[in-house]
Structures are given as C-alpha cells and as structure tokens.
C-alpha cells in the first residue's frame, strides 16, 4: 500500500476525467485508488479500479 497523496485540482465547467493508469496490479488485482473530492461544502468518496493496459476512471460533470 502506498502513502496517501493529496492534490489540489481546479475542475473546469463541463466534463473532467479523473483516473488511474496502472503499471503493476500487485498480488491482489485490480489495483485501486480511493478518491475524495471536497469542494469546501460537500465531500464525496469513490474508488477507481484499474488494470495493466486498462486505466480506470470517472467523468465528473460540472
């Protein structure tokens, strides 16, 4: 398990893609990342699963 990382990102109006590219799935595939989006008022958590050569992601619409 990797250490937690935090990124400040500004989303644009319209479609915003957020996802992961996987180089190694480890011993218990698929690889996954927990994403927390906080706009200062509301917080939403979701999990993205990815496999080697098959990135996982979501489109966030604003």
N, C-alpha and C. Protein backbone atom coordinates (compact mmCIF):
# COMPACT_ATOMS: atom_id res chain seq x y z
N UNK A 1 0.85 -1.18 0.00
CA UNK A 1 0.00 0.00 0.00
C UNK A 1 0.89 1.24 0.00
N UNK A 2 0.56 2.19 -0.83
CA UNK A 2 1.34 3.42 -0.92
C UNK A 2 0.81 4.46 0.05
N UNK A 3 1.62 5.44 0.33
CA UNK A 3 1.22 6.51 1.23
C UNK A 3 0.15 7.38 0.59
N UNK A 4 -0.65 7.99 1.43
CA UNK A 4 -1.70 8.90 0.96
C UNK A 4 -1.07 10.10 0.28
N UNK A 5 -1.68 10.53 -0.82
CA UNK A 5 -1.23 11.72 -1.53
C UNK A 5 -2.42 12.64 -1.71
N UNK A 6 -2.19 13.91 -1.62
CA UNK A 6 -3.24 14.90 -1.75
C UNK A 6 -2.89 15.87 -2.87
N UNK A 7 -3.86 16.15 -3.74
CA UNK A 7 -3.66 17.06 -4.86
C UNK A 7 -4.77 18.10 -4.84
N UNK A 8 -4.42 19.36 -4.99
CA UNK A 8 -5.40 20.41 -5.18
C UNK A 8 -5.59 20.60 -6.68
N UNK A 9 -6.82 20.40 -7.15
CA UNK A 9 -7.11 20.47 -8.58
C UNK A 9 -8.33 21.35 -8.79
N UNK A 10 -8.25 22.22 -9.79
CA UNK A 10 -9.41 23.04 -10.16
C UNK A 10 -10.09 22.37 -11.35
N UNK A 11 -11.35 22.04 -11.21
CA UNK A 11 -12.11 21.42 -12.29
C UNK A 11 -12.73 22.50 -13.16
N UNK A 12 -12.84 22.20 -14.43
CA UNK A 12 -13.41 23.12 -15.41
C UNK A 12 -14.90 22.83 -15.59
N UNK A 13 -15.66 23.78 -16.05
CA UNK A 13 -17.05 23.57 -16.38
C UNK A 13 -17.12 22.55 -17.52
N UNK A 14 -18.02 21.59 -17.41
CA UNK A 14 -18.13 20.54 -18.42
C UNK A 14 -17.60 19.23 -17.90
N UNK A 15 -17.02 18.42 -18.78
CA UNK A 15 -16.51 17.09 -18.42
C UNK A 15 -15.07 17.16 -17.93
N UNK A 16 -14.80 16.52 -16.81
CA UNK A 16 -13.46 16.40 -16.24
C UNK A 16 -13.21 14.93 -15.98
N UNK A 17 -12.12 14.38 -16.55
CA UNK A 17 -11.81 12.97 -16.36
C UNK A 17 -10.80 12.84 -15.24
N UNK A 18 -11.07 11.91 -14.32
CA UNK A 18 -10.12 11.60 -13.26
C UNK A 18 -9.94 10.09 -13.26
N UNK A 19 -8.70 9.64 -13.23
CA UNK A 19 -8.47 8.21 -13.32
C UNK A 19 -7.08 7.80 -12.93
N UNK A 20 -6.82 6.51 -13.08
CA UNK A 20 -5.52 5.95 -12.75
C UNK A 20 -5.01 5.11 -13.92
N UNK A 21 -3.71 5.15 -14.14
CA UNK A 21 -3.01 4.24 -15.04
C UNK A 21 -2.21 3.30 -14.15
N UNK A 22 -2.29 2.01 -14.43
CA UNK A 22 -1.68 1.01 -13.57
C UNK A 22 -0.48 0.38 -14.26
N UNK A 23 0.67 0.38 -13.58
CA UNK A 23 1.87 -0.29 -14.08
C UNK A 23 2.00 -1.69 -13.49
N UNK A 24 1.42 -1.90 -12.29
CA UNK A 24 1.55 -3.16 -11.59
C UNK A 24 0.31 -3.34 -10.73
N UNK A 25 -0.35 -4.48 -10.82
CA UNK A 25 -1.57 -4.74 -10.05
C UNK A 25 -1.29 -5.34 -8.68
N UNK A 26 -0.03 -5.64 -8.39
CA UNK A 26 0.31 -6.22 -7.10
C UNK A 26 -0.17 -7.66 -6.99
N UNK A 27 -0.31 -8.15 -5.77
CA UNK A 27 -0.69 -9.55 -5.55
C UNK A 27 -2.20 -9.75 -5.46
N UNK A 28 -2.96 -8.66 -5.41
CA UNK A 28 -4.41 -8.77 -5.25
C UNK A 28 -5.12 -7.82 -6.22
N UNK A 29 -5.12 -8.15 -7.54
CA UNK A 29 -5.73 -7.26 -8.53
C UNK A 29 -7.24 -7.13 -8.33
N UNK A 30 -7.85 -6.09 -8.84
CA UNK A 30 -7.23 -4.99 -9.56
C UNK A 30 -6.62 -3.97 -8.61
N UNK A 31 -5.74 -3.14 -9.15
CA UNK A 31 -5.20 -2.02 -8.37
C UNK A 31 -6.32 -1.01 -8.17
N UNK A 32 -6.35 -0.34 -7.04
CA UNK A 32 -7.42 0.62 -6.81
C UNK A 32 -6.90 1.85 -6.08
N UNK A 33 -7.63 2.93 -6.27
CA UNK A 33 -7.32 4.19 -5.58
C UNK A 33 -8.63 4.75 -5.03
N UNK A 34 -8.58 5.21 -3.79
CA UNK A 34 -9.74 5.88 -3.20
C UNK A 34 -9.59 7.37 -3.46
N UNK A 35 -10.62 7.96 -4.04
CA UNK A 35 -10.61 9.38 -4.39
C UNK A 35 -11.61 10.10 -3.51
N UNK A 36 -11.19 11.20 -2.93
CA UNK A 36 -12.08 12.05 -2.13
C UNK A 36 -12.11 13.42 -2.77
N UNK A 37 -13.30 13.87 -3.13
CA UNK A 37 -13.48 15.20 -3.70
C UNK A 37 -14.20 16.05 -2.67
N UNK A 38 -13.60 17.19 -2.35
CA UNK A 38 -14.15 18.10 -1.36
C UNK A 38 -14.17 19.49 -1.95
N UNK A 39 -15.36 20.07 -2.08
CA UNK A 39 -15.48 21.42 -2.65
C UNK A 39 -15.59 22.49 -1.58
N UNK A 40 -15.31 22.13 -0.34
CA UNK A 40 -15.41 23.07 0.77
C UNK A 40 -16.77 23.03 1.44
N UNK A 41 -17.75 22.42 0.81
CA UNK A 41 -19.10 22.29 1.36
C UNK A 41 -19.48 20.81 1.47
N UNK A 42 -19.23 20.07 0.41
CA UNK A 42 -19.61 18.67 0.32
C UNK A 42 -18.39 17.82 0.03
N UNK A 43 -18.37 16.61 0.60
CA UNK A 43 -17.29 15.68 0.34
C UNK A 43 -17.87 14.41 -0.25
N UNK A 44 -17.26 13.89 -1.32
CA UNK A 44 -17.70 12.67 -1.97
C UNK A 44 -16.51 11.74 -2.12
N UNK A 45 -16.69 10.46 -1.78
CA UNK A 45 -15.63 9.46 -1.86
C UNK A 45 -16.03 8.38 -2.85
N UNK A 46 -15.08 7.95 -3.68
CA UNK A 46 -15.32 6.84 -4.58
C UNK A 46 -14.02 6.12 -4.85
N UNK A 47 -14.12 4.90 -5.35
CA UNK A 47 -12.95 4.06 -5.62
C UNK A 47 -12.83 3.85 -7.12
N UNK A 48 -11.61 3.98 -7.63
CA UNK A 48 -11.33 3.69 -9.04
C UNK A 48 -10.47 2.43 -9.09
N UNK A 49 -10.92 1.43 -9.85
CA UNK A 49 -10.13 0.22 -10.08
C UNK A 49 -9.48 0.31 -11.45
N UNK A 50 -8.27 -0.19 -11.55
CA UNK A 50 -7.57 -0.20 -12.83
C UNK A 50 -6.75 -1.46 -12.99
N UNK A 51 -6.53 -1.85 -14.23
CA UNK A 51 -5.71 -3.00 -14.55
C UNK A 51 -4.62 -2.55 -15.53
N UNK A 52 -3.52 -3.33 -15.61
CA UNK A 52 -2.46 -3.01 -16.56
C UNK A 52 -3.08 -2.93 -17.95
N UNK A 53 -2.77 -1.88 -18.68
CA UNK A 53 -3.29 -1.62 -20.03
C UNK A 53 -4.80 -1.35 -20.06
N UNK A 54 -5.41 -1.12 -18.92
CA UNK A 54 -6.85 -0.80 -18.87
C UNK A 54 -7.07 0.21 -17.74
N UNK A 55 -6.80 1.51 -17.99
CA UNK A 55 -6.96 2.51 -16.94
C UNK A 55 -8.41 2.59 -16.48
N UNK A 56 -8.59 2.92 -15.22
CA UNK A 56 -9.92 3.11 -14.68
C UNK A 56 -10.15 4.57 -14.43
N UNK A 57 -11.39 5.01 -14.48
CA UNK A 57 -11.65 6.41 -14.23
C UNK A 57 -13.12 6.77 -14.21
N UNK A 58 -13.37 8.01 -13.93
CA UNK A 58 -14.71 8.58 -13.91
C UNK A 58 -14.69 9.91 -14.66
N UNK A 59 -15.82 10.27 -15.18
CA UNK A 59 -16.00 11.62 -15.73
C UNK A 59 -16.84 12.39 -14.71
N UNK A 60 -16.33 13.52 -14.31
CA UNK A 60 -17.03 14.40 -13.37
C UNK A 60 -17.57 15.56 -14.16
N UNK A 61 -18.88 15.75 -14.14
CA UNK A 61 -19.51 16.81 -14.91
C UNK A 61 -19.84 17.98 -14.00
N UNK A 62 -19.44 19.17 -14.42
CA UNK A 62 -19.77 20.39 -13.68
C UNK A 62 -20.67 21.26 -14.51
